[in-house]
């Protein structure tokens, strides 16, 4: 069952505000367990982990910045304000 637009917006906000800081702490902890790897390897690990977190969550974030597709087109245009003839 696909998630509604409203649910995806709330879930994406929760992921960004709670999940991302926890993921960053976990990534730093995992790299810290290794005896200070070379800079290039550490950079590659952080870059890979920075890319890896978004792959399973791609469907949640897709289209969240767009207007709600479930609303009628007139409701989306009403938020823009009066036109140039007003």
N, C-alpha and C. Protein backbone atom coordinates (compact mmCIF):
# COMPACT_ATOMS: atom_id res chain seq x y z
N UNK A 1 0.85 -1.17 0.00
CA UNK A 1 0.00 0.00 0.00
C UNK A 1 0.90 1.24 0.00
N UNK A 2 0.74 2.11 -1.00
CA UNK A 2 1.57 3.31 -1.06
C UNK A 2 1.20 4.31 0.04
N UNK A 3 2.19 5.04 0.49
CA UNK A 3 1.98 6.04 1.53
C UNK A 3 1.34 7.29 0.93
N UNK A 4 0.48 7.93 1.69
CA UNK A 4 -0.13 9.18 1.22
C UNK A 4 0.91 10.29 1.28
N UNK A 5 0.60 11.37 0.59
CA UNK A 5 1.51 12.51 0.55
C UNK A 5 1.76 13.07 1.95
N UNK A 6 0.70 13.18 2.73
CA UNK A 6 0.81 13.72 4.09
C UNK A 6 1.68 12.83 4.97
N UNK A 7 1.50 11.52 4.85
CA UNK A 7 2.30 10.58 5.63
C UNK A 7 3.77 10.64 5.22
N UNK A 8 4.03 10.74 3.92
CA UNK A 8 5.42 10.84 3.46
C UNK A 8 6.08 12.12 3.95
N UNK A 9 5.33 13.24 3.99
CA UNK A 9 5.90 14.49 4.50
C UNK A 9 6.26 14.36 5.97
N UNK A 10 5.37 13.79 6.76
CA UNK A 10 5.65 13.64 8.19
C UNK A 10 6.79 12.66 8.44
N UNK A 11 6.80 11.57 7.70
CA UNK A 11 7.85 10.57 7.85
C UNK A 11 9.21 11.13 7.43
N UNK A 12 9.24 11.91 6.36
CA UNK A 12 10.51 12.50 5.93
C UNK A 12 11.03 13.49 6.96
N UNK A 13 10.15 14.26 7.57
CA UNK A 13 10.57 15.19 8.61
C UNK A 13 11.12 14.44 9.83
N UNK A 14 10.45 13.37 10.21
CA UNK A 14 10.93 12.55 11.32
C UNK A 14 12.30 11.94 11.01
N UNK A 15 12.47 11.46 9.80
CA UNK A 15 13.75 10.87 9.41
C UNK A 15 14.86 11.91 9.46
N UNK A 16 14.59 13.12 8.96
CA UNK A 16 15.62 14.14 8.93
C UNK A 16 15.96 14.70 10.31
N UNK A 17 14.96 14.80 11.18
CA UNK A 17 15.21 15.40 12.49
C UNK A 17 15.69 14.41 13.55
N UNK A 18 15.30 13.15 13.42
CA UNK A 18 15.67 12.15 14.43
C UNK A 18 16.62 11.11 13.84
N UNK A 19 16.28 10.58 12.69
CA UNK A 19 17.05 9.49 12.10
C UNK A 19 18.44 9.89 11.63
N UNK A 20 18.55 11.05 10.99
CA UNK A 20 19.85 11.47 10.48
C UNK A 20 20.88 11.71 11.58
N UNK A 21 20.54 12.42 12.66
CA UNK A 21 21.55 12.56 13.73
C UNK A 21 21.96 11.22 14.33
N UNK A 22 21.02 10.31 14.48
CA UNK A 22 21.37 8.98 14.99
C UNK A 22 22.28 8.23 14.02
N UNK A 23 22.01 8.38 12.72
CA UNK A 23 22.84 7.73 11.71
C UNK A 23 24.25 8.33 11.71
N UNK A 24 24.37 9.63 11.88
CA UNK A 24 25.69 10.27 11.90
C UNK A 24 26.48 9.79 13.11
N UNK A 25 25.84 9.71 14.27
CA UNK A 25 26.51 9.22 15.47
C UNK A 25 26.96 7.77 15.27
N UNK A 26 26.11 6.96 14.67
CA UNK A 26 26.47 5.56 14.42
C UNK A 26 27.64 5.46 13.44
N UNK A 27 27.64 6.28 12.40
CA UNK A 27 28.73 6.24 11.41
C UNK A 27 30.05 6.67 12.04
N UNK A 28 30.03 7.72 12.84
CA UNK A 28 31.26 8.19 13.50
C UNK A 28 31.75 7.15 14.50
N UNK A 29 30.84 6.49 15.19
CA UNK A 29 31.22 5.45 16.15
C UNK A 29 31.88 4.27 15.45
N UNK A 30 31.30 3.85 14.33
CA UNK A 30 31.85 2.71 13.59
C UNK A 30 33.24 3.05 13.07
N UNK A 31 33.42 4.24 12.50
CA UNK A 31 34.74 4.62 12.00
C UNK A 31 35.70 4.82 13.16
N UNK A 32 35.22 5.26 14.31
CA UNK A 32 36.07 5.45 15.49
C UNK A 32 36.57 4.14 16.08
N UNK A 33 35.84 3.05 15.83
CA UNK A 33 36.28 1.76 16.34
C UNK A 33 37.55 1.27 15.64
N UNK A 34 37.75 1.73 14.42
CA UNK A 34 38.96 1.40 13.67
C UNK A 34 40.06 2.34 14.15
N UNK A 35 41.29 1.84 14.24
CA UNK A 35 42.42 2.68 14.68
C UNK A 35 42.76 3.69 13.60
N UNK A 36 42.15 4.82 13.65
CA UNK A 36 42.38 5.98 12.76
C UNK A 36 42.91 5.57 11.39
N UNK A 37 41.99 5.26 10.46
CA UNK A 37 42.42 4.87 9.12
C UNK A 37 43.04 6.07 8.38
N UNK A 38 43.70 5.82 7.27
CA UNK A 38 44.25 6.93 6.47
C UNK A 38 43.11 7.90 6.07
N UNK A 39 43.49 9.13 5.83
CA UNK A 39 42.50 10.16 5.54
C UNK A 39 41.64 9.80 4.33
N UNK A 40 42.26 9.30 3.28
CA UNK A 40 41.51 8.98 2.06
C UNK A 40 40.50 7.87 2.30
N UNK A 41 40.85 6.89 3.15
CA UNK A 41 39.93 5.81 3.46
C UNK A 41 38.78 6.31 4.34
N UNK A 42 39.11 7.15 5.29
CA UNK A 42 38.07 7.73 6.16
C UNK A 42 37.11 8.58 5.33
N UNK A 43 37.63 9.35 4.42
CA UNK A 43 36.80 10.17 3.54
C UNK A 43 35.91 9.29 2.65
N UNK A 44 36.46 8.20 2.14
CA UNK A 44 35.67 7.28 1.32
C UNK A 44 34.56 6.60 2.12
N UNK A 45 34.86 6.23 3.35
CA UNK A 45 33.85 5.59 4.21
C UNK A 45 32.72 6.56 4.51
N UNK A 46 33.05 7.79 4.90
CA UNK A 46 32.01 8.79 5.20
C UNK A 46 31.21 9.13 3.94
N UNK A 47 31.88 9.23 2.81
CA UNK A 47 31.17 9.50 1.55
C UNK A 47 30.24 8.36 1.18
N UNK A 48 30.70 7.14 1.34
CA UNK A 48 29.85 5.97 1.05
C UNK A 48 28.67 5.88 1.99
N UNK A 49 28.90 6.10 3.28
CA UNK A 49 27.80 6.07 4.24
C UNK A 49 26.82 7.22 4.02
N UNK A 50 27.34 8.37 3.57
CA UNK A 50 26.48 9.51 3.27
C UNK A 50 25.57 9.24 2.08
N UNK A 51 26.03 8.44 1.15
CA UNK A 51 25.22 8.06 0.00
C UNK A 51 24.31 6.88 0.31
N UNK A 52 24.78 5.99 1.15
CA UNK A 52 24.06 4.75 1.43
C UNK A 52 22.76 4.95 2.19
N UNK A 53 22.67 5.97 3.05
CA UNK A 53 21.47 6.15 3.87
C UNK A 53 20.25 6.48 3.04
N UNK A 54 20.45 7.12 1.89
CA UNK A 54 19.29 7.58 1.13
C UNK A 54 18.70 6.51 0.21
N UNK A 55 19.42 5.46 -0.09
CA UNK A 55 18.90 4.46 -1.02
C UNK A 55 17.61 3.79 -0.55
N UNK A 56 17.53 3.30 0.68
CA UNK A 56 16.26 2.68 1.08
C UNK A 56 15.15 3.68 1.35
N UNK A 57 15.48 4.95 1.54
CA UNK A 57 14.48 5.96 1.87
C UNK A 57 14.08 6.81 0.67
N UNK A 58 14.51 6.43 -0.49
CA UNK A 58 14.25 7.21 -1.70
C UNK A 58 12.76 7.41 -1.95
N UNK A 59 11.96 6.39 -1.75
CA UNK A 59 10.52 6.48 -2.00
C UNK A 59 9.82 7.43 -1.03
N UNK A 60 10.35 7.55 0.17
CA UNK A 60 9.74 8.44 1.16
C UNK A 60 9.94 9.90 0.77
N UNK A 61 11.13 10.24 0.28
CA UNK A 61 11.46 11.63 -0.03
C UNK A 61 11.01 12.07 -1.42
N UNK A 62 10.62 11.15 -2.27
CA UNK A 62 10.27 11.50 -3.64
C UNK A 62 9.01 12.37 -3.68
N UNK A 63 9.12 13.57 -4.25
CA UNK A 63 7.98 14.46 -4.44
C UNK A 63 7.50 15.18 -3.21
N UNK A 64 8.22 15.13 -2.09
CA UNK A 64 7.77 15.77 -0.87
C UNK A 64 7.81 17.29 -0.98
N UNK A 65 8.72 17.84 -1.76
CA UNK A 65 8.82 19.28 -1.91
C UNK A 65 7.82 19.88 -2.88
N UNK A 66 7.06 19.06 -3.56
CA UNK A 66 6.07 19.52 -4.53
C UNK A 66 4.74 19.79 -3.83
N UNK A 67 3.83 20.53 -4.49
CA UNK A 67 2.49 20.71 -3.91
C UNK A 67 1.77 19.38 -3.78
N UNK A 68 0.83 19.32 -2.87
CA UNK A 68 0.08 18.10 -2.61
C UNK A 68 -0.69 17.67 -3.86
N UNK A 69 -0.39 16.51 -4.43
CA UNK A 69 -1.10 16.08 -5.64
C UNK A 69 -2.53 15.65 -5.37
N UNK A 70 -2.90 15.43 -4.12
CA UNK A 70 -4.25 15.00 -3.79
C UNK A 70 -5.23 16.18 -3.74
N UNK A 71 -4.73 17.40 -3.61
CA UNK A 71 -5.60 18.57 -3.58
C UNK A 71 -6.05 18.91 -4.99
N UNK A 72 -7.19 19.58 -5.09
CA UNK A 72 -7.70 20.03 -6.39
C UNK A 72 -6.77 21.12 -6.93
N UNK A 73 -6.64 21.25 -8.25
CA UNK A 73 -5.75 22.29 -8.80
C UNK A 73 -6.14 23.70 -8.37
N UNK A 74 -7.43 23.97 -8.16
CA UNK A 74 -7.84 25.30 -7.73
C UNK A 74 -7.30 25.62 -6.34
N UNK A 75 -7.22 24.64 -5.47
CA UNK A 75 -6.71 24.86 -4.12
C UNK A 75 -5.22 25.17 -4.15
N UNK A 76 -4.48 24.54 -5.08
CA UNK A 76 -3.05 24.82 -5.19
C UNK A 76 -2.80 26.23 -5.72
N UNK A 77 -3.64 26.71 -6.63
CA UNK A 77 -3.45 28.03 -7.22
C UNK A 77 -3.91 29.14 -6.29
N UNK A 78 -4.82 28.85 -5.37
CA UNK A 78 -5.33 29.88 -4.47
C UNK A 78 -4.23 30.42 -3.56
N UNK A 79 -3.23 29.61 -3.26
CA UNK A 79 -2.17 30.04 -2.35
C UNK A 79 -1.24 31.06 -3.01
N UNK A 80 -1.31 31.20 -4.34
CA UNK A 80 -0.41 32.11 -5.03
C UNK A 80 -0.81 33.57 -4.87
N UNK A 81 -2.07 33.84 -4.52
CA UNK A 81 -2.51 35.21 -4.33
C UNK A 81 -3.20 35.74 -5.56
N UNK A 82 -3.54 37.04 -5.54
CA UNK A 82 -4.27 37.62 -6.67
C UNK A 82 -3.37 37.72 -7.89
N UNK A 83 -4.00 37.67 -9.05
CA UNK A 83 -3.27 37.75 -10.31
C UNK A 83 -2.89 39.19 -10.62
N UNK A 84 -2.28 39.43 -11.79
CA UNK A 84 -1.83 40.77 -12.15
C UNK A 84 -2.98 41.74 -12.42
N UNK A 85 -4.18 41.23 -12.71
CA UNK A 85 -5.30 42.13 -13.02
C UNK A 85 -5.99 42.64 -11.76
N UNK A 86 -5.60 42.18 -10.59
CA UNK A 86 -6.28 42.59 -9.36
C UNK A 86 -5.81 43.91 -8.86
